[in-house]
Amino acid sequence: MEFGYFAQAFVPNFEVEAEPGAEHRRLMENLDFAVECDRNGVKYVWCPEHHFLTEYSHMPAPEVFLSFVAARTERIHVGTAITNTTPKVNHPARVVERVTMLDHLSEGRFEFGTGRGSS
């Protein structure tokens, strides 16, 4: 059996209003948890791509977050869930460039998830 972690960096509005640095703190908490997952044998960490959302996921650039995770870990696979390859959202050629670079920098630990998505 394999286990994974789905990092969304969710920050409720009441936290954002009460603490100006809440989004940064939550991203760093997600990073720290991914590092702990690696230390404890978890197989994957996945991140969605969401833009302009509140009360949901705060992850507009999963490749950036995942590259940071890959640099701080040794074994865990990092993956996108879901990268929208619709040309109006992400040009397919740019997606290929980003995921190829991430796969190289993670030493082959990158898992690419794609689909239509919703934001």
N, C-alpha and C. Protein backbone atom coordinates (compact mmCIF):
# COMPACT_ATOMS: atom_id res chain seq x y z
N MET A 1 0.84 -1.16 0.00
CA MET A 1 0.00 0.00 0.00
C MET A 1 0.90 1.24 0.00
N GLU A 2 0.52 2.24 -0.78
CA GLU A 2 1.25 3.50 -0.85
C GLU A 2 0.39 4.62 -0.28
N PHE A 3 1.05 5.57 0.36
CA PHE A 3 0.34 6.71 0.92
C PHE A 3 0.86 7.99 0.29
N GLY A 4 -0.02 8.98 0.21
CA GLY A 4 0.35 10.27 -0.34
C GLY A 4 -0.26 11.40 0.46
N TYR A 5 0.21 12.60 0.18
CA TYR A 5 -0.24 13.81 0.85
C TYR A 5 -0.69 14.80 -0.21
N PHE A 6 -1.88 15.36 -0.06
CA PHE A 6 -2.43 16.33 -1.00
C PHE A 6 -2.31 17.72 -0.37
N ALA A 7 -1.34 18.51 -0.81
CA ALA A 7 -1.05 19.83 -0.23
C ALA A 7 -1.81 20.90 -0.99
N GLN A 8 -2.74 21.57 -0.33
CA GLN A 8 -3.52 22.62 -0.97
C GLN A 8 -3.24 24.00 -0.41
N ALA A 9 -2.60 24.07 0.74
CA ALA A 9 -2.34 25.35 1.41
C ALA A 9 -3.63 26.11 1.69
N PHE A 10 -4.66 25.40 2.08
CA PHE A 10 -5.96 26.01 2.39
C PHE A 10 -5.83 26.98 3.57
N VAL A 11 -6.35 28.18 3.39
CA VAL A 11 -6.36 29.18 4.46
C VAL A 11 -7.76 29.77 4.55
N PRO A 12 -8.50 29.52 5.64
CA PRO A 12 -9.83 30.10 5.78
C PRO A 12 -9.76 31.63 5.87
N ASN A 13 -10.80 32.30 5.41
CA ASN A 13 -10.82 33.77 5.42
C ASN A 13 -10.58 34.35 6.80
N PHE A 14 -11.14 33.73 7.85
CA PHE A 14 -10.96 34.29 9.19
C PHE A 14 -9.49 34.31 9.59
N GLU A 15 -8.69 33.35 9.10
CA GLU A 15 -7.25 33.36 9.40
C GLU A 15 -6.54 34.46 8.63
N VAL A 16 -6.91 34.64 7.36
CA VAL A 16 -6.31 35.69 6.54
C VAL A 16 -6.59 37.06 7.15
N GLU A 17 -7.82 37.26 7.62
CA GLU A 17 -8.20 38.54 8.23
C GLU A 17 -7.49 38.77 9.57
N ALA A 18 -7.31 37.72 10.34
CA ALA A 18 -6.70 37.85 11.67
C ALA A 18 -5.18 37.91 11.63
N GLU A 19 -4.59 37.31 10.60
CA GLU A 19 -3.13 37.21 10.54
C GLU A 19 -2.66 37.52 9.12
N PRO A 20 -2.04 38.68 8.90
CA PRO A 20 -1.62 39.05 7.55
C PRO A 20 -0.67 38.03 6.89
N GLY A 21 0.12 37.33 7.66
CA GLY A 21 1.06 36.35 7.10
C GLY A 21 0.52 34.93 7.05
N ALA A 22 -0.79 34.76 7.14
CA ALA A 22 -1.37 33.41 7.22
C ALA A 22 -1.08 32.56 5.98
N GLU A 23 -1.13 33.16 4.81
CA GLU A 23 -0.88 32.37 3.59
C GLU A 23 0.57 31.88 3.56
N HIS A 24 1.50 32.76 3.90
CA HIS A 24 2.90 32.35 3.93
C HIS A 24 3.11 31.24 4.97
N ARG A 25 2.55 31.44 6.15
CA ARG A 25 2.67 30.43 7.21
C ARG A 25 2.13 29.09 6.74
N ARG A 26 0.97 29.10 6.08
CA ARG A 26 0.36 27.85 5.64
C ARG A 26 1.21 27.16 4.57
N LEU A 27 1.78 27.93 3.65
CA LEU A 27 2.68 27.33 2.65
C LEU A 27 3.87 26.66 3.32
N MET A 28 4.45 27.33 4.30
CA MET A 28 5.60 26.76 5.00
C MET A 28 5.21 25.53 5.82
N GLU A 29 4.01 25.54 6.40
CA GLU A 29 3.51 24.35 7.11
C GLU A 29 3.35 23.18 6.15
N ASN A 30 2.83 23.46 4.96
CA ASN A 30 2.68 22.40 3.95
C ASN A 30 4.04 21.87 3.53
N LEU A 31 5.01 22.75 3.38
CA LEU A 31 6.37 22.33 3.04
C LEU A 31 6.95 21.45 4.15
N ASP A 32 6.85 21.90 5.39
CA ASP A 32 7.37 21.12 6.52
C ASP A 32 6.70 19.76 6.61
N PHE A 33 5.39 19.71 6.36
CA PHE A 33 4.68 18.43 6.42
C PHE A 33 5.16 17.51 5.30
N ALA A 34 5.42 18.05 4.11
CA ALA A 34 5.92 17.24 3.00
C ALA A 34 7.30 16.66 3.34
N VAL A 35 8.14 17.44 4.00
CA VAL A 35 9.45 16.95 4.42
C VAL A 35 9.29 15.82 5.43
N GLU A 36 8.36 15.97 6.39
CA GLU A 36 8.09 14.90 7.36
C GLU A 36 7.54 13.66 6.66
N CYS A 37 6.69 13.86 5.67
CA CYS A 37 6.17 12.72 4.90
C CYS A 37 7.32 11.95 4.27
N ASP A 38 8.28 12.65 3.70
CA ASP A 38 9.45 12.00 3.09
C ASP A 38 10.21 11.20 4.13
N ARG A 39 10.42 11.77 5.29
CA ARG A 39 11.16 11.08 6.36
C ARG A 39 10.44 9.83 6.85
N ASN A 40 9.11 9.81 6.70
CA ASN A 40 8.31 8.70 7.21
C ASN A 40 7.83 7.74 6.12
N GLY A 41 8.41 7.81 4.94
CA GLY A 41 8.13 6.83 3.91
C GLY A 41 6.88 7.04 3.08
N VAL A 42 6.27 8.22 3.16
CA VAL A 42 5.11 8.51 2.31
C VAL A 42 5.61 8.60 0.87
N LYS A 43 4.85 8.05 -0.07
CA LYS A 43 5.31 7.93 -1.46
C LYS A 43 5.16 9.22 -2.27
N TYR A 44 4.07 9.97 -2.08
CA TYR A 44 3.77 11.11 -2.94
C TYR A 44 3.37 12.35 -2.15
N VAL A 45 3.62 13.50 -2.75
CA VAL A 45 2.97 14.75 -2.35
C VAL A 45 2.44 15.36 -3.65
N TRP A 46 1.15 15.65 -3.65
CA TRP A 46 0.48 16.20 -4.83
C TRP A 46 -0.02 17.60 -4.52
N CYS A 47 -0.03 18.47 -5.53
CA CYS A 47 -0.54 19.84 -5.39
C CYS A 47 -1.45 20.17 -6.56
N PRO A 48 -2.58 20.81 -6.26
CA PRO A 48 -3.46 21.26 -7.34
C PRO A 48 -2.99 22.61 -7.87
N GLU A 49 -3.57 23.02 -8.97
CA GLU A 49 -3.35 24.37 -9.49
C GLU A 49 -4.67 25.11 -9.41
N HIS A 50 -4.72 26.14 -8.56
CA HIS A 50 -5.94 26.94 -8.42
C HIS A 50 -5.56 28.41 -8.41
N HIS A 51 -6.40 29.22 -9.06
CA HIS A 51 -6.15 30.66 -9.16
C HIS A 51 -7.32 31.45 -8.59
N PHE A 52 -7.00 32.51 -7.87
CA PHE A 52 -7.98 33.51 -7.42
C PHE A 52 -9.10 32.93 -6.55
N LEU A 53 -8.79 31.92 -5.75
CA LEU A 53 -9.80 31.33 -4.89
C LEU A 53 -9.60 31.77 -3.45
N THR A 54 -10.70 31.91 -2.75
CA THR A 54 -10.65 32.10 -1.31
C THR A 54 -11.45 30.95 -0.70
N GLU A 55 -11.17 30.67 0.56
CA GLU A 55 -11.84 29.56 1.25
C GLU A 55 -11.63 28.23 0.53
N TYR A 56 -10.50 28.07 -0.11
CA TYR A 56 -10.20 26.80 -0.78
C TYR A 56 -8.69 26.69 -0.89
N SER A 57 -8.20 26.31 -2.00
CA SER A 57 -6.77 26.09 -2.21
C SER A 57 -6.05 27.40 -2.54
N HIS A 58 -4.90 27.59 -1.95
CA HIS A 58 -4.06 28.75 -2.24
C HIS A 58 -2.77 28.24 -2.89
N MET A 59 -2.89 27.70 -4.10
CA MET A 59 -1.75 27.09 -4.76
C MET A 59 -1.76 27.45 -6.25
N PRO A 60 -1.42 28.70 -6.61
CA PRO A 60 -1.47 29.11 -8.01
C PRO A 60 -0.29 28.61 -8.84
N ALA A 61 0.80 28.19 -8.22
CA ALA A 61 1.99 27.76 -8.95
C ALA A 61 2.55 26.48 -8.33
N PRO A 62 1.87 25.34 -8.55
CA PRO A 62 2.30 24.11 -7.90
C PRO A 62 3.72 23.69 -8.27
N GLU A 63 4.15 23.98 -9.50
CA GLU A 63 5.50 23.58 -9.90
C GLU A 63 6.57 24.27 -9.05
N VAL A 64 6.31 25.51 -8.67
CA VAL A 64 7.27 26.23 -7.82
C VAL A 64 7.31 25.59 -6.44
N PHE A 65 6.15 25.36 -5.86
CA PHE A 65 6.09 24.71 -4.54
C PHE A 65 6.74 23.33 -4.59
N LEU A 66 6.41 22.54 -5.61
CA LEU A 66 6.93 21.18 -5.70
C LEU A 66 8.44 21.15 -5.93
N SER A 67 8.98 22.13 -6.64
CA SER A 67 10.44 22.17 -6.82
C SER A 67 11.12 22.43 -5.48
N PHE A 68 10.50 23.25 -4.64
CA PHE A 68 11.04 23.51 -3.31
C PHE A 68 10.96 22.25 -2.45
N VAL A 69 9.84 21.53 -2.55
CA VAL A 69 9.70 20.26 -1.83
C VAL A 69 10.77 19.28 -2.29
N ALA A 70 10.94 19.16 -3.60
CA ALA A 70 11.93 18.21 -4.14
C ALA A 70 13.34 18.54 -3.66
N ALA A 71 13.65 19.83 -3.55
CA ALA A 71 14.98 20.23 -3.09
C ALA A 71 15.21 19.90 -1.62
N ARG A 72 14.15 19.83 -0.84
CA ARG A 72 14.27 19.58 0.60
C ARG A 72 14.07 18.12 0.99
N THR A 73 13.80 17.26 0.00
CA THR A 73 13.51 15.85 0.29
C THR A 73 14.43 14.94 -0.52
N GLU A 74 14.34 13.63 -0.22
CA GLU A 74 15.22 12.67 -0.89
C GLU A 74 14.48 11.61 -1.70
N ARG A 75 13.31 11.17 -1.23
CA ARG A 75 12.64 10.03 -1.86
C ARG A 75 11.23 10.31 -2.36
N ILE A 76 10.53 11.18 -1.70
CA ILE A 76 9.12 11.38 -2.01
C ILE A 76 8.95 11.87 -3.45
N HIS A 77 7.95 11.34 -4.13
CA HIS A 77 7.61 11.80 -5.47
C HIS A 77 6.72 13.03 -5.33
N VAL A 78 6.88 13.98 -6.25
CA VAL A 78 6.09 15.20 -6.25
C VAL A 78 5.24 15.21 -7.51
N GLY A 79 3.98 15.65 -7.38
CA GLY A 79 3.10 15.61 -8.55
C GLY A 79 2.08 16.72 -8.59
N THR A 80 1.66 17.04 -9.81
CA THR A 80 0.60 18.03 -10.02
C THR A 80 -0.73 17.33 -10.14
N ALA A 81 -1.74 17.93 -9.52
CA ALA A 81 -3.09 17.37 -9.56
C ALA A 81 -4.08 18.50 -9.47
N ILE A 82 -4.41 19.11 -10.45
CA ILE A 82 -4.34 18.83 -11.88
C ILE A 82 -3.75 20.06 -12.57
N THR A 83 -2.87 19.87 -13.56
CA THR A 83 -2.41 20.99 -14.38
C THR A 83 -3.36 21.12 -15.56
N ASN A 84 -3.94 22.27 -15.70
CA ASN A 84 -4.87 22.54 -16.80
C ASN A 84 -4.06 22.88 -18.05
N THR A 85 -4.16 22.05 -19.09
CA THR A 85 -3.39 22.27 -20.32
C THR A 85 -4.21 22.95 -21.41
N THR A 86 -5.34 23.54 -21.04
CA THR A 86 -6.11 24.32 -22.00
C THR A 86 -5.27 25.54 -22.39
N PRO A 87 -5.04 25.78 -23.70
CA PRO A 87 -4.16 26.88 -24.12
C PRO A 87 -4.51 28.24 -23.54
N LYS A 88 -5.79 28.51 -23.26
CA LYS A 88 -6.16 29.79 -22.67
C LYS A 88 -5.64 29.93 -21.24
N VAL A 89 -5.40 28.81 -20.58
CA VAL A 89 -4.94 28.83 -19.19
C VAL A 89 -3.42 28.62 -19.12
N ASN A 90 -2.94 27.55 -19.71
CA ASN A 90 -1.52 27.21 -19.74
C ASN A 90 -1.18 26.70 -21.13
N HIS A 91 -0.34 27.40 -21.83
CA HIS A 91 0.03 26.93 -23.17
C HIS A 91 0.74 25.58 -23.03
N PRO A 92 0.33 24.58 -23.81
CA PRO A 92 0.91 23.24 -23.68
C PRO A 92 2.44 23.21 -23.79
N ALA A 93 3.02 24.03 -24.65
CA ALA A 93 4.49 24.05 -24.77
C ALA A 93 5.14 24.53 -23.47
N ARG A 94 4.55 25.52 -22.82
CA ARG A 94 5.08 26.00 -21.55
C ARG A 94 4.92 24.95 -20.46
N VAL A 95 3.80 24.23 -20.48
CA VAL A 95 3.60 23.16 -19.50
C VAL A 95 4.69 22.11 -19.66
N VAL A 96 4.96 21.70 -20.89
CA VAL A 96 6.00 20.70 -21.15
C VAL A 96 7.35 21.19 -20.63
N GLU A 97 7.67 22.45 -20.87
CA GLU A 97 8.94 23.00 -20.38
C GLU A 97 9.02 22.93 -18.86
N ARG A 98 7.96 23.34 -18.18
CA ARG A 98 7.97 23.37 -16.71
C ARG A 98 8.05 21.96 -16.12
N VAL A 99 7.26 21.04 -16.65
CA VAL A 99 7.26 19.70 -16.05
C VAL A 99 8.55 18.95 -16.38
N THR A 100 9.12 19.19 -17.55
CA THR A 100 10.40 18.56 -17.88
C THR A 100 11.50 19.06 -16.96
N MET A 101 11.54 20.36 -16.74
CA MET A 101 12.54 20.93 -15.85
C MET A 101 12.37 20.40 -14.43
N LEU A 102 11.14 20.31 -13.96
CA LEU A 102 10.88 19.79 -12.62
C LEU A 102 11.27 18.32 -12.51
N ASP A 103 11.03 17.55 -13.55
CA ASP A 103 11.43 16.15 -13.53
C ASP A 103 12.95 16.02 -13.46
N HIS A 104 13.66 16.85 -14.22
CA HIS A 104 15.13 16.82 -14.15
C HIS A 104 15.62 17.21 -12.77
N LEU A 105 15.12 18.32 -12.23
CA LEU A 105 15.61 18.81 -10.95
C LEU A 105 15.25 17.90 -9.78
N SER A 106 14.17 17.14 -9.92
CA SER A 106 13.77 16.22 -8.85
C SER A 106 14.40 14.84 -9.02
N GLU A 107 15.28 14.70 -10.00
CA GLU A 107 15.94 13.41 -10.27
C GLU A 107 14.92 12.32 -10.62
N GLY A 108 13.92 12.68 -11.43
CA GLY A 108 12.94 11.70 -11.89
C GLY A 108 11.81 11.41 -10.93
N ARG A 109 11.64 12.23 -9.90
CA ARG A 109 10.58 11.99 -8.92
C ARG A 109 9.29 12.74 -9.23
N PHE A 110 9.19 13.38 -10.37
CA PHE A 110 8.00 14.16 -10.70
C PHE A 110 6.94 13.29 -11.36
N GLU A 111 5.69 13.46 -10.93
CA GLU A 111 4.53 12.76 -11.50
C GLU A 111 3.59 13.82 -12.06
N PHE A 112 3.27 13.73 -13.34
CA PHE A 112 2.46 14.75 -14.00
C PHE A 112 1.00 14.34 -14.03
N GLY A 113 0.15 15.18 -13.45
CA GLY A 113 -1.30 14.97 -13.49
C GLY A 113 -1.93 16.10 -14.27
N THR A 114 -2.78 15.77 -15.23
CA THR A 114 -3.41 16.80 -16.04
C THR A 114 -4.91 16.55 -16.15
N GLY A 115 -5.60 17.57 -16.54
CA GLY A 115 -7.04 17.48 -16.71
C GLY A 115 -7.60 18.87 -16.96
N ARG A 116 -8.88 18.97 -17.11
CA ARG A 116 -9.52 20.24 -17.40
C ARG A 116 -9.53 21.17 -16.20
N GLY A 117 -9.78 20.68 -15.05
CA GLY A 117 -9.80 21.51 -13.86
C GLY A 117 -10.98 22.47 -13.83
N SER A 118 -10.98 23.34 -12.82
CA SER A 118 -12.12 24.24 -12.68
C SER A 118 -11.75 25.68 -12.38
N SER A 119 -10.50 26.00 -12.18
CA SER A 119 -10.14 27.40 -11.91
C SER A 119 -8.81 27.74 -12.54
